[in-house]
Structure formats: structure tokens, C-alpha cells
Amino acid sequence: MIIGVPKEIMQGERRVSVTPETAGKLVQDGAEVWVQQSAGEGAYFHDEQYTAAGAKLVADVKDIYARADVILKVKEPQFNSEQNLHEVDMMHSGQVLMTFIHPASPVNHDMVRALAKKGVTGLTLDGIPRISRAQVMDTLTSMSACAGYKGVLLAADALPKFVPQIFTAVGMIKPIQALIVGAGVSGLQALATIKRLGAVVHTADIRPAAVEQAQSLGSKIIDLGVPEEAAVGEGGYALALSEEWLAKERAVLAEVLPSMDIVFLSALVPSKIAPILVTEDMVKTMKPGSVLVDISIDQGGNCDITPAGTTEVHHNVTLIGIKNIPGMIPESSSWMFSQNLYNLVKYLTKEGKLVLNHEDEIVRGILTTIDGQVVHDGAREAMGL
């Protein structure tokens, strides 16, 4: 089995899907690993390290797409301007693609259809189910942890003041107040990180289990008043709230926002647009110099004026809507991602070949295209199929 590792071509993407460490593991398991030259440079993994691990370096990415049985990527297929070809156009029938496809997203529908038409078997990493045996394969959780850590550091860096309590010869500086909205993986990582820096942390989440975890990390809790039956869905994920409950949630947050220095927004509902929890009028009440970081921006954002993909100042508040935050710590995020991907490949490999058991819960969750068809439930619903 030949496993191909192309260099990521999305602008600003420095991650790589396979590190020298996991390349070595794949080789030991009996696979050939073909890595495009300089694929790991952005994450400080060098060509000679891949060679030492037993991987084969390939100069022309078209050779990888032409020969590989399996393609491992971080981001969904894009148009490759150097080759003047879309990455899908370089793929071939029967090839398996493992990456974040995000097949339900409308901007990816044409690409998903193209994968099906090519006969590519697409496996989307954002479909890994949240079950215990899949934890070691869960790239979405790993990248969420990276986003929580780096996202709250971006906020701390943008603040015009110290984060912790500081004693000086001229007096004491009080610690900042930070609000974490959404205590999932990213929110809990943000909570732990900013608390380690010395902030007083407050957390709001509609799920009792998430609130309990935040409390165990030393956070003060803001009760949003949403009953559990309206808040928690399958797998412990948040449910989409009615406009009435969203209005009540915003009212509670509006009371505490004026006292916060950092607001970290990470509230998501699976396969839905992110709920608006902070309006522009609410931003206007925030402290001058305070910072709001909205890592839900890929799904529309939790604040209605978060700038998508950049940082702007509005109403004296710094609003951070940077996308692909995990890519800002490419060495650690690539290491985590590649370990997850290796575990998934190993799980699916039987006697040297990738075998997809359609009765398996993990396979059902990730399978997107196969035998010329789009089979992902979320994608089919979004496409009207």
C-alpha cells in the first residue's frame, strides 16, 4: 500500500498530515510512504528526517496522486495554482482520501461531487464519532485543543494590560476577568490556559456536564438558565436553541460582558450555523481595550460582527476572527493530527490493505463518497439528495 503525503497548498497552512515519526510507524507496518518534498517544512519537519524514517521523497505531486493508494491531507482538496489543476483532478478511481472534507458545507459541495465522479473514496475526519474507542483517532478534538490554547493566547497578546495580579512598588494591578462561552474541548483548553496565566475565569455553557468540567478546573460559573432537556443532544453535544432561549442566554451574558477583559467564544451546534450569542449592541458595552476572540467563525461566529479571517477593532474592542488557529502552532498540531491519522489508518488496515466495514460506527461516520456516490448523511441533506 502506497500512502501519499502532498504538501498543503491552502494559503497560510503550515501543518502536515504525516510527521517523520508517524511516517516511520507506517513504514514499519509495511506501507510505502511517499512524501512531497518540503511538505513538512512549515511545521519544522525536514526532508532528511522523512528519508531517515524510511519515507520516499517525491518532487512532483502529480506522481503522488497518480500512484498512491491512500492520500493523507490536513485540508480539503483545493485548486493547485502551481500545477494549474484542482487536487481532485489529479486523483484516480479507487483512491482513498483522508482529510477534513467538511462535506456538508455548501462551499465544498462541488468538490465532493467531483470526488464522487472521480470514483475516489472520501473519508472525512470531522465525522469521527465521539466514542471511547475512537478517541485516539479524533483529529477534530485534537485541533480543538490547539484552537483553545492558541486562541486565548491571541486574546492575551492583544490586551493592553497584564493578565495576572501584579504587585509593584507603586501598587497592585488586579488580575483580568476572562469569560469562556462554550466549555467543549477548545473552551476547556482556553480556560485552563488563561487561568494558568493568572486570570479570574468565568464560564458559561448550557450543558451541565460541561459546566461541571469547567468548575473542576477552577472556573466561576455563569448560569444561563437553559433546562437540560433543551440543551443536550446525542453524544453530549449542544442542541440548537429556540430564538426564545437564545434571547434569554444573550440577556444573561449581557449582564456580565461589561466587566470582562477577554471573551472567548466557542459555542457550536453540530452541522449547524453557530448561534449568535453576542450582538453588536452587547459589544458596545464592553470595556475599552477588551478583546473578543471568536473561534466559531468557520461556522459563522458567535458574535454578529466578528471579522471573518482577520482582526479588527470596533467600539474600542479588539475582535479576533482568525481562521485556522491550529495552523498557528504547526509543530504541535501536526504531531497530534498525524498521531490521530496513523491510528485511523492502522484501525482500517487489514493484511496490508485498507478495508471499510460499512457496519462499523467509525466507518459510517467518516465515509463521504464511494463507488461514484455521495453517501455522507449531512452532505446529502445539505445537497438536497
Protein backbone atom coordinates (compact mmCIF):
# COMPACT_ATOMS: atom_id res chain seq x y z
CA MET A 1 0.00 0.00 0.00
CA ILE A 2 1.40 3.37 -1.08
CA ILE A 3 0.44 6.25 1.21
CA GLY A 4 0.84 9.70 -0.34
CA VAL A 5 1.50 12.89 1.63
CA PRO A 6 1.13 16.05 -0.50
CA LYS A 7 2.25 19.44 0.72
CA GLU A 8 -0.70 21.52 1.92
CA ILE A 9 -1.50 24.29 -0.57
CA MET A 10 -4.08 26.39 1.28
CA GLN A 11 -2.62 29.85 1.86
CA GLY A 12 -1.05 30.09 5.32
CA GLU A 13 -1.45 26.35 6.05
CA ARG A 14 1.78 25.15 7.65
CA ARG A 15 0.61 21.82 9.02
CA VAL A 16 1.48 18.44 7.52
CA SER A 17 -0.61 15.28 7.74
CA VAL A 18 2.27 12.88 8.46
CA THR A 19 5.35 13.63 10.56
CA PRO A 20 8.63 11.71 10.28
CA GLU A 21 7.64 9.82 13.44
CA THR A 22 4.34 8.56 12.01
CA ALA A 23 5.90 8.01 8.59
CA GLY A 24 8.32 5.61 10.31
CA LYS A 25 5.43 3.80 12.01
CA LEU A 26 3.60 3.39 8.70
CA VAL A 27 6.74 2.04 7.04
CA GLN A 28 7.25 -0.41 9.90
CA ASP A 29 3.66 -1.56 9.39
CA GLY A 30 4.50 -2.45 5.80
CA ALA A 31 3.35 0.60 3.83
CA GLU A 32 5.33 2.73 1.40
CA VAL A 33 5.14 6.40 2.35
CA TRP A 34 5.64 8.95 -0.46
CA VAL A 35 6.11 12.50 0.84
CA GLN A 36 6.23 15.57 -1.37
CA GLN A 37 9.49 17.45 -0.96
CA SER A 38 9.29 20.22 1.69
CA ALA A 39 5.81 19.06 2.78
CA GLY A 40 6.81 19.29 6.44
CA GLU A 41 8.98 22.42 6.34
CA GLY A 42 6.23 24.73 7.61
CA ALA A 43 5.97 22.63 10.77
CA TYR A 44 9.77 22.25 11.10
CA PHE A 45 9.88 18.64 9.91
CA HIS A 46 12.61 18.38 7.31
CA ASP A 47 13.07 16.19 4.24
CA GLU A 48 16.09 14.38 5.65
CA GLN A 49 14.02 13.36 8.69
CA TYR A 50 11.44 11.73 6.43
CA THR A 51 14.17 9.94 4.50
CA ALA A 52 15.71 8.68 7.73
CA ALA A 53 12.28 7.34 8.74
CA GLY A 54 12.08 5.30 5.54
CA ALA A 55 9.79 7.56 3.50
CA LYS A 56 10.35 8.30 -0.18
CA LEU A 57 10.65 11.96 -1.20
CA VAL A 58 8.80 12.93 -4.38
CA ALA A 59 9.39 16.18 -6.25
CA ASP A 60 6.27 16.24 -8.45
CA VAL A 61 2.99 16.00 -6.52
CA LYS A 62 1.28 14.61 -9.62
CA ASP A 63 3.34 11.44 -9.19
CA ILE A 64 1.96 11.05 -5.66
CA TYR A 65 -1.64 11.46 -6.78
CA ALA A 66 -1.09 9.13 -9.72
CA ARG A 67 0.44 6.24 -7.74
CA ALA A 68 -0.77 6.43 -4.15
CA ASP A 69 -3.50 4.10 -2.89
CA VAL A 70 -4.23 6.42 0.03
CA ILE A 71 -3.84 10.21 0.22
CA LEU A 72 -3.45 11.77 3.68
CA LYS A 73 -4.10 15.52 3.93
CA VAL A 74 -4.99 18.15 6.52
CA LYS A 75 -7.28 20.38 4.45
CA GLU A 76 -9.89 19.54 1.84
CA PRO A 77 -8.76 19.40 -1.83
CA GLN A 78 -8.05 22.80 -3.35
CA PHE A 79 -7.04 24.27 -6.71
CA ASN A 80 -3.27 23.89 -7.08
CA SER A 81 -2.08 27.03 -8.89
CA GLU A 82 1.43 25.62 -9.43
CA GLN A 83 0.01 22.65 -11.33
CA ASN A 84 -2.93 24.64 -12.75
CA LEU A 85 -5.08 21.72 -11.66
CA HIS A 86 -7.51 21.05 -8.85
CA GLU A 87 -6.21 18.39 -6.49
CA VAL A 88 -9.28 16.26 -7.22
CA ASP A 89 -8.37 16.29 -10.92
CA MET A 90 -5.05 14.64 -10.05
CA MET A 91 -6.73 11.81 -8.14
CA HIS A 92 -7.86 8.49 -9.61
CA SER A 93 -10.65 5.98 -9.25
CA GLY A 94 -10.31 3.66 -6.26
CA GLN A 95 -8.01 6.02 -4.39
CA VAL A 96 -8.82 6.72 -0.73
CA LEU A 97 -8.65 10.29 0.58
CA MET A 98 -8.49 11.00 4.33
CA THR A 99 -8.76 14.65 5.33
CA PHE A 100 -11.12 17.28 6.74
CA ILE A 101 -13.60 17.36 3.83
CA HIS A 102 -16.41 19.25 5.66
CA PRO A 103 -18.84 17.73 3.13
CA ALA A 104 -21.99 19.41 4.46
CA SER A 105 -20.56 22.90 3.93
CA PRO A 106 -22.07 24.43 0.76
CA VAL A 107 -18.70 25.78 -0.41
CA ASN A 108 -17.44 22.18 -0.64
CA HIS A 109 -20.40 20.61 -2.46
CA ASP A 110 -18.89 20.86 -5.95
CA MET A 111 -15.63 19.38 -4.69
CA VAL A 112 -17.49 16.49 -3.01
CA ARG A 113 -19.42 15.81 -6.21
CA ALA A 114 -16.13 15.83 -8.12
CA LEU A 115 -14.64 13.27 -5.70
CA ALA A 116 -17.62 11.01 -6.29
CA LYS A 117 -17.45 11.43 -10.06
CA LYS A 118 -13.74 10.51 -9.98
CA GLY A 119 -14.51 7.35 -8.05
CA VAL A 120 -12.48 8.49 -5.05
CA THR A 121 -13.40 7.06 -1.66
CA GLY A 122 -13.54 10.14 0.58
CA LEU A 123 -13.24 9.78 4.35
CA THR A 124 -13.88 12.98 6.29
CA LEU A 125 -12.04 13.32 9.58
CA ASP A 126 -14.66 15.65 11.05
CA GLY A 127 -17.02 12.65 11.07
CA ILE A 128 -15.08 10.62 13.66
CA PRO A 129 -17.72 9.73 16.30
CA ARG A 130 -17.16 10.78 19.90
CA ILE A 131 -16.87 7.25 21.29
CA SER A 132 -14.19 5.87 23.58
CA ARG A 133 -12.51 3.58 21.04
CA ALA A 134 -12.25 6.42 18.52
CA GLN A 135 -10.60 8.93 20.85
CA VAL A 136 -7.10 8.15 19.56
CA MET A 137 -8.33 8.90 16.00
CA ASP A 138 -10.25 12.08 16.81
CA THR A 139 -8.47 14.83 14.88
CA LEU A 140 -11.33 17.28 15.49
CA THR A 141 -10.82 17.08 19.25
CA SER A 142 -7.05 17.44 18.88
CA MET A 143 -7.38 20.52 16.67
CA SER A 144 -10.00 21.99 19.02
CA ALA A 145 -7.50 21.74 21.88
CA CYS A 146 -4.96 23.61 19.73
CA ALA A 147 -7.51 26.28 18.86
CA GLY A 148 -8.44 26.80 22.52
CA TYR A 149 -4.84 27.16 23.64
CA LYS A 150 -3.62 29.44 20.86
CA GLY A 151 -6.88 31.37 20.55
CA VAL A 152 -6.86 32.58 24.14
CA LEU A 153 -3.15 33.42 23.85
CA LEU A 154 -4.00 35.65 20.87
CA ALA A 155 -6.50 37.42 23.10
CA ALA A 156 -3.98 37.81 25.93
CA ASP A 157 -1.42 39.20 23.48
CA ALA A 158 -3.90 41.79 22.19
CA LEU A 159 -4.78 43.03 25.70
CA PRO A 160 -3.28 46.38 26.73
CA LYS A 161 -2.67 45.12 30.27
CA PHE A 162 -1.17 42.33 32.38
CA VAL A 163 -3.19 39.13 32.71
CA PRO A 164 -2.22 38.10 36.29
CA GLN A 165 -2.30 40.03 39.52
CA ILE A 166 0.93 42.03 39.70
CA PHE A 167 2.46 43.63 42.80
CA THR A 168 4.68 46.61 42.08
CA ALA A 169 6.43 49.35 44.05
CA VAL A 170 3.66 51.73 43.07
CA GLY A 171 0.75 49.46 43.89
CA MET A 172 -1.15 46.34 42.90
CA ILE A 173 -2.55 45.59 39.46
CA LYS A 174 -5.63 43.37 39.61
CA PRO A 175 -5.94 40.19 37.51
CA ILE A 176 -8.08 40.33 34.40
CA GLN A 177 -11.54 38.79 34.13
CA ALA A 178 -12.00 36.24 31.32
CA LEU A 179 -15.26 34.76 30.06
CA ILE A 180 -15.32 31.41 28.26
CA VAL A 181 -18.56 30.78 26.35
CA GLY A 182 -18.78 27.12 25.36
CA ALA A 183 -16.93 24.61 27.55
CA GLY A 184 -16.19 21.99 24.92
CA VAL A 185 -12.66 20.81 24.19
CA SER A 186 -11.50 24.20 22.91
CA GLY A 187 -13.24 26.15 25.65
CA LEU A 188 -11.82 23.99 28.43
CA GLN A 189 -8.32 24.30 26.96
CA ALA A 190 -8.75 28.08 26.75
CA LEU A 191 -10.00 28.12 30.34
CA ALA A 192 -7.02 26.14 31.64
CA THR A 193 -4.54 28.23 29.64
CA ILE A 194 -5.75 31.68 30.66
CA LYS A 195 -6.17 30.55 34.28
CA ARG A 196 -2.54 29.40 34.30
CA LEU A 197 -1.63 32.91 33.19
CA GLY A 198 -3.39 34.29 36.25
CA ALA A 199 -6.82 35.40 35.04
CA VAL A 200 -10.03 35.09 37.03
CA VAL A 201 -12.11 32.85 34.75
CA HIS A 202 -15.87 32.67 34.27
CA THR A 203 -17.54 30.01 32.11
CA ALA A 204 -20.97 29.75 30.50
CA ASP A 205 -22.36 26.62 28.85
CA ILE A 206 -25.85 25.21 28.50
CA ARG A 207 -24.72 21.60 29.17
CA PRO A 208 -24.50 20.51 32.85
CA ALA A 209 -21.61 18.09 32.19
CA ALA A 210 -19.57 20.83 30.51
CA VAL A 211 -20.29 23.20 33.39
CA GLU A 212 -19.11 20.55 35.85
CA GLN A 213 -15.84 20.14 33.96
CA ALA A 214 -15.27 23.89 33.88
CA GLN A 215 -15.92 24.10 37.61
CA SER A 216 -13.41 21.32 38.26
CA LEU A 217 -10.78 23.45 36.51
CA GLY A 218 -11.41 26.30 38.94
CA SER A 219 -13.75 28.47 36.89
CA LYS A 220 -16.61 30.56 38.24
CA ILE A 221 -19.88 29.51 36.57
CA ILE A 222 -22.46 31.73 34.89
CA ASP A 223 -25.84 30.02 34.90
CA LEU A 224 -27.55 30.53 31.55
CA GLY A 225 -30.81 29.08 32.84
CA VAL A 226 -31.44 26.69 29.94
CA PRO A 227 -33.05 23.38 31.02
CA GLU A 228 -31.04 20.24 30.24
CA GLU A 229 -33.71 18.72 28.01
CA ALA A 230 -33.50 21.76 25.71
CA ALA A 231 -29.71 21.94 25.85
CA VAL A 232 -28.16 18.49 25.41
CA GLY A 233 -28.40 16.25 22.37
CA GLU A 234 -26.91 12.97 21.19
CA GLY A 235 -23.33 12.36 22.27
CA GLY A 236 -23.43 15.23 24.77
CA TYR A 237 -23.33 17.90 22.07
CA ALA A 238 -25.31 21.11 22.43
CA LEU A 239 -28.71 21.31 20.76
CA ALA A 240 -29.81 24.24 18.63
CA LEU A 241 -31.86 26.51 20.89
CA SER A 242 -35.10 28.26 20.01
CA GLU A 243 -34.91 32.01 19.48
CA GLU A 244 -36.66 32.45 22.84
CA TRP A 245 -33.93 30.56 24.71
CA LEU A 246 -31.18 32.29 22.72
CA ALA A 247 -32.63 35.67 23.73
CA LYS A 248 -32.58 34.61 27.41
CA GLU A 249 -28.99 33.39 27.03
CA ARG A 250 -27.93 36.71 25.47
CA ALA A 251 -29.65 38.60 28.31
CA VAL A 252 -27.58 36.72 30.92
CA LEU A 253 -24.34 37.29 29.01
CA ALA A 254 -25.16 40.97 28.52
CA GLU A 255 -25.08 41.44 32.29
CA VAL A 256 -21.51 40.14 32.66
CA LEU A 257 -19.84 41.35 29.44
CA PRO A 258 -19.13 44.91 30.72
CA SER A 259 -16.85 43.51 33.46
CA MET A 260 -14.85 41.17 31.18
CA ASP A 261 -11.42 41.83 29.69
CA ILE A 262 -11.32 38.71 27.48
CA VAL A 263 -14.32 36.95 25.93
CA PHE A 264 -13.61 33.60 24.27
CA LEU A 265 -16.46 32.31 22.09
CA SER A 266 -16.55 28.64 21.08
CA ALA A 267 -20.22 27.60 21.16
CA LEU A 268 -21.14 25.27 18.30
CA VAL A 269 -24.02 23.01 17.33
CA PRO A 270 -23.01 20.06 15.09
CA SER A 271 -23.80 20.63 11.38
CA LYS A 272 -25.49 23.97 12.15
CA ILE A 273 -24.59 27.61 11.83
CA ALA A 274 -23.06 28.88 15.07
CA PRO A 275 -25.63 30.61 17.34
CA ILE A 276 -25.31 34.38 17.76
CA LEU A 277 -24.69 34.90 21.47
CA VAL A 278 -23.07 38.35 21.39
CA THR A 279 -24.63 41.15 19.36
CA GLU A 280 -23.04 44.41 18.25
CA ASP A 281 -25.03 46.28 20.93
CA MET A 282 -23.51 43.93 23.53
CA VAL A 283 -20.01 44.59 22.18
CA LYS A 284 -20.62 48.32 22.65
CA THR A 285 -20.98 47.73 26.42
CA MET A 286 -17.57 46.01 26.74
CA LYS A 287 -14.56 47.68 28.31
CA PRO A 288 -12.38 49.83 26.04
CA GLY A 289 -9.31 47.72 25.25
CA SER A 290 -11.03 44.40 25.92
CA VAL A 291 -10.67 41.51 23.47
CA LEU A 292 -13.18 39.10 21.97
CA VAL A 293 -11.89 36.01 20.16
CA ASP A 294 -14.46 34.02 18.20
CA ILE A 295 -13.18 30.58 17.17
CA SER A 296 -16.66 29.61 15.92
CA ILE A 297 -16.09 31.86 12.91
CA ASP A 298 -15.80 28.93 10.46
CA GLN A 299 -19.49 28.24 11.16
CA GLY A 300 -20.50 31.89 11.10
CA GLY A 301 -19.30 33.01 14.52
CA ASN A 302 -20.95 33.55 17.92
CA CYS A 303 -20.68 37.35 17.60
CA ASP A 304 -22.53 39.05 14.78
CA ILE A 305 -19.67 41.48 14.00
CA THR A 306 -16.68 39.13 14.22
CA PRO A 307 -14.50 39.79 11.15
CA ALA A 308 -14.09 36.50 9.28
CA GLY A 309 -10.43 35.58 8.89
CA THR A 310 -8.87 38.68 10.43
CA THR A 311 -8.64 41.00 13.45
CA GLU A 312 -10.37 44.37 13.68
CA VAL A 313 -11.18 46.95 16.35
CA HIS A 314 -14.80 48.03 16.70
CA HIS A 315 -16.26 50.11 19.52
CA ASN A 316 -12.81 50.06 21.19
CA VAL A 317 -12.93 46.24 21.39
CA THR A 318 -10.43 44.04 19.53
CA LEU A 319 -12.37 41.37 17.63
CA ILE A 320 -10.35 38.31 16.56
CA GLY A 321 -11.89 36.14 13.86
CA ILE A 322 -8.73 34.45 12.63
CA LYS A 323 -9.38 31.11 10.94
CA ASN A 324 -7.19 28.01 11.12
CA ILE A 325 -5.79 28.84 14.55
CA PRO A 326 -4.35 25.29 14.95
CA GLY A 327 -2.15 26.07 11.95
CA MET A 328 -0.51 28.83 14.01
CA ILE A 329 1.16 26.17 16.17
CA PRO A 330 2.05 23.85 13.29
CA GLU A 331 4.58 21.63 15.04
CA SER A 332 2.32 20.58 17.91
CA SER A 333 -0.86 20.47 15.85
CA SER A 334 0.84 18.40 13.10
CA TRP A 335 2.17 15.99 15.71
CA MET A 336 -1.30 15.49 17.22
CA PHE A 337 -3.02 15.32 13.83
CA SER A 338 -0.56 12.77 12.44
CA GLN A 339 -0.87 10.54 15.52
CA ASN A 340 -4.67 10.55 15.14
CA LEU A 341 -4.38 9.81 11.43
CA TYR A 342 -1.90 6.99 11.99
CA ASN A 343 -4.27 5.36 14.49
CA LEU A 344 -7.14 5.63 12.00
CA VAL A 345 -5.09 4.11 9.16
CA LYS A 346 -3.93 1.29 11.43
CA TYR A 347 -7.50 0.65 12.57
CA LEU A 348 -8.75 0.37 8.98
CA THR A 349 -5.84 -1.68 7.63
CA LYS A 350 -6.25 -5.44 7.30
CA GLU A 351 -3.45 -7.55 5.77
CA GLY A 352 -1.78 -4.53 4.23
CA LYS A 353 -4.89 -3.02 2.65
CA LEU A 354 -7.49 -0.50 3.72
CA VAL A 355 -10.77 -2.29 4.44
CA LEU A 356 -14.00 -0.37 5.04
CA ASN A 357 -16.60 -2.26 7.07
CA HIS A 358 -19.82 -0.35 6.44
CA GLU A 359 -21.33 -1.78 9.63
CA ASP A 360 -18.61 -0.13 11.72
CA GLU A 361 -19.71 3.06 13.52
CA ILE A 362 -16.42 4.81 12.80
CA VAL A 363 -16.54 3.98 9.09
CA ARG A 364 -20.17 5.10 8.87
CA GLY A 365 -19.26 8.42 10.47
CA ILE A 366 -16.41 9.28 8.10
CA LEU A 367 -17.47 7.73 4.80
CA THR A 368 -18.33 10.56 2.40
CA THR A 369 -18.00 9.29 -1.18
CA ILE A 370 -17.66 5.74 -2.51
CA ASP A 371 -18.40 3.93 -5.78
CA GLY A 372 -19.30 7.17 -7.50
CA GLN A 373 -21.89 8.19 -4.88
CA VAL A 374 -22.12 10.80 -2.14
CA VAL A 375 -23.12 8.78 0.94
CA HIS A 376 -22.47 11.18 3.85
CA ASP A 377 -25.85 11.89 5.51
CA GLY A 378 -25.09 15.53 6.35
CA ALA A 379 -23.78 16.23 2.86
CA ARG A 380 -26.75 14.54 1.19
CA GLU A 381 -29.18 16.53 3.31
CA ALA A 382 -27.36 19.80 2.60
CA MET A 383 -27.25 18.99 -1.13
CA GLY A 384 -30.92 18.07 -1.23
CA LEU A 385 -30.20 14.49 -2.27
